[in-house]
Amino acid sequence: MKFITVRDFRTYPKKIWEDLKTVQEMVITNNGKPIALLTPLSDSDMEDTIKAIRQAKAKISVERMRGISLKRKTYKMTGKDINTLVADARKSR
């Protein structure tokens, strides 16, 4: 996977678009931190690609939530416990 800076993206767009055809994925960085993933799309696969990326992001989020739940031991909560927390949160608004 290739990393490119925001500055390079602005300065050398033609080269980046050409490289993307062979590299297939690039991470755009700003101040050394990743901010975006650049991947080629076509009319025929755009919807499927976007759907796959969204599903992958959702899966990662669920795994993180499960990890937090295990760490905090909140996986042991009952439905009643959850409803009580929700009710308390709504009252505090």
N, C-alpha and C. Protein backbone atom coordinates (compact mmCIF):
# COMPACT_ATOMS: atom_id res chain seq x y z
N MET A 1 0.85 -1.17 0.00
CA MET A 1 0.00 0.00 0.00
C MET A 1 0.90 1.24 0.00
N LYS A 2 0.50 2.19 -0.77
CA LYS A 2 1.29 3.41 -0.92
C LYS A 2 0.67 4.53 -0.08
N PHE A 3 1.52 5.34 0.54
CA PHE A 3 1.09 6.48 1.32
C PHE A 3 1.46 7.75 0.57
N ILE A 4 0.51 8.69 0.51
CA ILE A 4 0.78 9.97 -0.13
C ILE A 4 0.27 11.09 0.78
N THR A 5 0.91 12.20 0.69
CA THR A 5 0.49 13.34 1.52
C THR A 5 -0.59 14.14 0.81
N VAL A 6 -1.31 14.92 1.58
CA VAL A 6 -2.31 15.82 1.01
C VAL A 6 -1.63 16.77 0.03
N ARG A 7 -0.46 17.21 0.41
CA ARG A 7 0.28 18.14 -0.46
C ARG A 7 0.61 17.49 -1.80
N ASP A 8 1.10 16.25 -1.76
CA ASP A 8 1.39 15.55 -3.01
C ASP A 8 0.12 15.34 -3.84
N PHE A 9 -0.97 15.07 -3.17
CA PHE A 9 -2.24 14.87 -3.84
C PHE A 9 -2.66 16.13 -4.61
N ARG A 10 -2.41 17.28 -4.01
CA ARG A 10 -2.74 18.54 -4.68
C ARG A 10 -1.73 18.88 -5.77
N THR A 11 -0.45 18.60 -5.50
CA THR A 11 0.63 19.01 -6.39
C THR A 11 0.78 18.11 -7.61
N TYR A 12 0.60 16.81 -7.42
CA TYR A 12 0.85 15.85 -8.50
C TYR A 12 -0.38 14.94 -8.78
N PRO A 13 -1.53 15.52 -9.01
CA PRO A 13 -2.73 14.68 -9.17
C PRO A 13 -2.63 13.71 -10.35
N LYS A 14 -2.05 14.13 -11.46
CA LYS A 14 -1.98 13.27 -12.64
C LYS A 14 -1.17 12.00 -12.32
N LYS A 15 -0.03 12.18 -11.67
CA LYS A 15 0.82 11.03 -11.32
C LYS A 15 0.09 10.10 -10.36
N ILE A 16 -0.62 10.67 -9.40
CA ILE A 16 -1.35 9.85 -8.42
C ILE A 16 -2.44 9.04 -9.12
N TRP A 17 -3.20 9.64 -10.02
CA TRP A 17 -4.24 8.90 -10.73
C TRP A 17 -3.64 7.78 -11.58
N GLU A 18 -2.48 8.05 -12.18
CA GLU A 18 -1.80 7.02 -12.97
C GLU A 18 -1.31 5.88 -12.07
N ASP A 19 -0.69 6.23 -10.94
CA ASP A 19 -0.19 5.22 -10.01
C ASP A 19 -1.31 4.37 -9.42
N LEU A 20 -2.45 4.98 -9.22
CA LEU A 20 -3.58 4.27 -8.60
C LEU A 20 -4.01 3.07 -9.43
N LYS A 21 -3.84 3.16 -10.74
CA LYS A 21 -4.22 2.05 -11.62
C LYS A 21 -3.41 0.79 -11.30
N THR A 22 -2.16 0.96 -10.91
CA THR A 22 -1.32 -0.21 -10.61
C THR A 22 -1.26 -0.53 -9.12
N VAL A 23 -1.24 0.49 -8.29
CA VAL A 23 -1.12 0.28 -6.84
C VAL A 23 -2.43 -0.20 -6.23
N GLN A 24 -3.56 0.27 -6.77
CA GLN A 24 -4.92 -0.10 -6.36
C GLN A 24 -5.42 0.54 -5.07
N GLU A 25 -4.55 0.86 -4.13
CA GLU A 25 -4.97 1.54 -2.91
C GLU A 25 -3.88 2.50 -2.46
N MET A 26 -4.29 3.65 -2.02
CA MET A 26 -3.36 4.63 -1.46
C MET A 26 -3.99 5.22 -0.21
N VAL A 27 -3.16 5.47 0.77
CA VAL A 27 -3.61 6.14 1.98
C VAL A 27 -3.13 7.58 1.90
N ILE A 28 -4.06 8.50 2.03
CA ILE A 28 -3.72 9.92 2.03
C ILE A 28 -3.47 10.33 3.47
N THR A 29 -2.35 11.00 3.69
CA THR A 29 -1.99 11.43 5.04
C THR A 29 -1.94 12.95 5.13
N ASN A 30 -2.18 13.42 6.34
CA ASN A 30 -2.06 14.84 6.65
C ASN A 30 -1.29 14.94 7.96
N ASN A 31 -0.18 15.62 7.92
CA ASN A 31 0.71 15.71 9.09
C ASN A 31 1.09 14.32 9.60
N GLY A 32 1.32 13.40 8.67
CA GLY A 32 1.76 12.06 9.03
C GLY A 32 0.67 11.12 9.52
N LYS A 33 -0.57 11.58 9.56
CA LYS A 33 -1.67 10.75 10.05
C LYS A 33 -2.60 10.39 8.89
N PRO A 34 -3.04 9.13 8.83
CA PRO A 34 -3.93 8.74 7.75
C PRO A 34 -5.29 9.42 7.88
N ILE A 35 -5.79 9.92 6.74
CA ILE A 35 -7.09 10.60 6.77
C ILE A 35 -8.07 10.04 5.74
N ALA A 36 -7.57 9.33 4.72
CA ALA A 36 -8.47 8.82 3.69
C ALA A 36 -7.82 7.66 2.95
N LEU A 37 -8.69 6.84 2.37
CA LEU A 37 -8.25 5.73 1.53
C LEU A 37 -8.70 6.03 0.12
N LEU A 38 -7.78 5.98 -0.81
CA LEU A 38 -8.08 6.22 -2.21
C LEU A 38 -8.04 4.88 -2.93
N THR A 39 -9.13 4.52 -3.57
CA THR A 39 -9.21 3.25 -4.26
C THR A 39 -9.95 3.46 -5.59
N PRO A 40 -9.55 2.77 -6.62
CA PRO A 40 -10.21 2.98 -7.91
C PRO A 40 -11.62 2.40 -7.92
N LEU A 41 -12.50 3.04 -8.67
CA LEU A 41 -13.87 2.58 -8.84
C LEU A 41 -14.22 2.60 -10.32
N SER A 42 -15.22 1.81 -10.67
CA SER A 42 -15.78 1.89 -12.01
C SER A 42 -17.29 1.95 -11.87
N ASP A 43 -17.95 2.31 -12.94
CA ASP A 43 -19.41 2.36 -12.89
C ASP A 43 -20.01 1.02 -12.51
N SER A 44 -19.37 -0.05 -12.95
CA SER A 44 -19.94 -1.38 -12.74
C SER A 44 -19.76 -1.90 -11.31
N ASP A 45 -18.73 -1.42 -10.60
CA ASP A 45 -18.50 -1.97 -9.25
C ASP A 45 -18.60 -0.95 -8.13
N MET A 46 -18.96 0.27 -8.44
CA MET A 46 -18.99 1.32 -7.42
C MET A 46 -19.89 0.97 -6.24
N GLU A 47 -21.12 0.59 -6.53
CA GLU A 47 -22.07 0.29 -5.45
C GLU A 47 -21.57 -0.85 -4.57
N ASP A 48 -21.06 -1.91 -5.21
CA ASP A 48 -20.56 -3.06 -4.44
C ASP A 48 -19.34 -2.69 -3.60
N THR A 49 -18.46 -1.88 -4.16
CA THR A 49 -17.26 -1.47 -3.42
C THR A 49 -17.64 -0.63 -2.21
N ILE A 50 -18.52 0.32 -2.40
CA ILE A 50 -18.95 1.18 -1.29
C ILE A 50 -19.65 0.34 -0.22
N LYS A 51 -20.49 -0.58 -0.64
CA LYS A 51 -21.19 -1.46 0.31
C LYS A 51 -20.19 -2.29 1.10
N ALA A 52 -19.18 -2.84 0.43
CA ALA A 52 -18.17 -3.66 1.10
C ALA A 52 -17.37 -2.84 2.12
N ILE A 53 -17.03 -1.62 1.77
CA ILE A 53 -16.28 -0.76 2.69
C ILE A 53 -17.14 -0.44 3.91
N ARG A 54 -18.40 -0.12 3.69
CA ARG A 54 -19.30 0.17 4.82
C ARG A 54 -19.48 -1.04 5.72
N GLN A 55 -19.61 -2.22 5.13
CA GLN A 55 -19.76 -3.43 5.93
C GLN A 55 -18.50 -3.70 6.75
N ALA A 56 -17.34 -3.49 6.14
CA ALA A 56 -16.08 -3.70 6.86
C ALA A 56 -15.95 -2.72 8.02
N LYS A 57 -16.30 -1.46 7.79
CA LYS A 57 -16.24 -0.47 8.87
C LYS A 57 -17.20 -0.82 10.00
N ALA A 58 -18.39 -1.30 9.65
CA ALA A 58 -19.37 -1.69 10.67
C ALA A 58 -18.85 -2.88 11.48
N LYS A 59 -18.25 -3.84 10.81
CA LYS A 59 -17.70 -5.01 11.50
C LYS A 59 -16.60 -4.60 12.48
N ILE A 60 -15.74 -3.69 12.05
CA ILE A 60 -14.67 -3.20 12.93
C ILE A 60 -15.28 -2.51 14.15
N SER A 61 -16.31 -1.71 13.94
CA SER A 61 -16.96 -1.00 15.05
C SER A 61 -17.57 -1.98 16.05
N VAL A 62 -18.24 -3.02 15.54
CA VAL A 62 -18.84 -4.02 16.42
C VAL A 62 -17.76 -4.74 17.23
N GLU A 63 -16.66 -5.09 16.59
CA GLU A 63 -15.57 -5.76 17.30
C GLU A 63 -14.99 -4.87 18.39
N ARG A 64 -14.87 -3.58 18.12
CA ARG A 64 -14.38 -2.64 19.14
C ARG A 64 -15.35 -2.56 20.31
N MET A 65 -16.65 -2.49 19.99
CA MET A 65 -17.66 -2.43 21.05
C MET A 65 -17.63 -3.70 21.90
N ARG A 66 -17.45 -4.84 21.25
CA ARG A 66 -17.36 -6.10 22.00
C ARG A 66 -16.15 -6.09 22.93
N GLY A 67 -15.03 -5.59 22.43
CA GLY A 67 -13.83 -5.50 23.25
C GLY A 67 -14.04 -4.60 24.46
N ILE A 68 -14.68 -3.47 24.25
CA ILE A 68 -14.97 -2.55 25.36
C ILE A 68 -15.92 -3.21 26.35
N SER A 69 -16.92 -3.91 25.82
CA SER A 69 -17.88 -4.60 26.68
C SER A 69 -17.20 -5.65 27.54
N LEU A 70 -16.28 -6.40 26.94
CA LEU A 70 -15.54 -7.41 27.72
C LEU A 70 -14.69 -6.74 28.79
N LYS A 71 -14.03 -5.66 28.42
CA LYS A 71 -13.15 -4.95 29.36
C LYS A 71 -13.95 -4.39 30.55
N ARG A 72 -15.12 -3.81 30.25
CA ARG A 72 -15.94 -3.19 31.30
C ARG A 72 -16.90 -4.18 31.95
N LYS A 73 -16.95 -5.39 31.41
CA LYS A 73 -17.85 -6.44 31.90
C LYS A 73 -19.33 -6.06 31.77
N THR A 74 -19.63 -5.20 30.80
CA THR A 74 -21.02 -4.81 30.58
C THR A 74 -21.79 -5.87 29.79
N TYR A 75 -21.10 -6.86 29.28
CA TYR A 75 -21.77 -7.94 28.57
C TYR A 75 -22.66 -8.75 29.51
N LYS A 76 -22.50 -8.57 30.81
CA LYS A 76 -23.30 -9.29 31.80
C LYS A 76 -24.61 -8.57 32.11
N MET A 77 -24.82 -7.39 31.53
CA MET A 77 -26.02 -6.61 31.83
C MET A 77 -27.27 -7.29 31.28
N THR A 78 -28.33 -7.17 32.02
CA THR A 78 -29.62 -7.71 31.58
C THR A 78 -30.37 -6.62 30.81
N GLY A 79 -31.46 -7.02 30.16
CA GLY A 79 -32.30 -6.05 29.47
C GLY A 79 -32.84 -5.00 30.43
N LYS A 80 -33.17 -5.43 31.63
CA LYS A 80 -33.68 -4.51 32.65
C LYS A 80 -32.61 -3.47 33.01
N ASP A 81 -31.35 -3.94 33.18
CA ASP A 81 -30.25 -3.01 33.48
C ASP A 81 -30.09 -1.96 32.38
N ILE A 82 -30.17 -2.40 31.16
CA ILE A 82 -30.01 -1.49 30.02
C ILE A 82 -31.15 -0.49 29.97
N ASN A 83 -32.37 -0.96 30.17
CA ASN A 83 -33.53 -0.06 30.16
C ASN A 83 -33.44 0.98 31.27
N THR A 84 -32.92 0.58 32.43
CA THR A 84 -32.73 1.52 33.53
C THR A 84 -31.72 2.59 33.16
N LEU A 85 -30.61 2.20 32.54
CA LEU A 85 -29.60 3.16 32.12
C LEU A 85 -30.16 4.14 31.09
N VAL A 86 -30.94 3.62 30.15
CA VAL A 86 -31.53 4.47 29.12
C VAL A 86 -32.51 5.46 29.75
N ALA A 87 -33.33 4.98 30.66
CA ALA A 87 -34.31 5.85 31.33
C ALA A 87 -33.60 6.93 32.13
N ASP A 88 -32.53 6.57 32.85
CA ASP A 88 -31.76 7.55 33.62
C ASP A 88 -31.13 8.60 32.70
N ALA A 89 -30.61 8.17 31.56
CA ALA A 89 -29.99 9.09 30.63
C ALA A 89 -31.02 10.06 30.06
N ARG A 90 -32.21 9.56 29.79
CA ARG A 90 -33.28 10.43 29.26
C ARG A 90 -33.74 11.44 30.30
N LYS A 91 -33.77 11.05 31.54
CA LYS A 91 -34.17 11.97 32.61
C LYS A 91 -33.17 13.10 32.77
N SER A 92 -31.90 12.80 32.54
CA SER A 92 -30.85 13.80 32.78
C SER A 92 -30.74 14.82 31.65
N ARG A 93 -31.53 14.67 30.58
CA ARG A 93 -31.48 15.62 29.48
C ARG A 93 -32.06 16.92 29.86
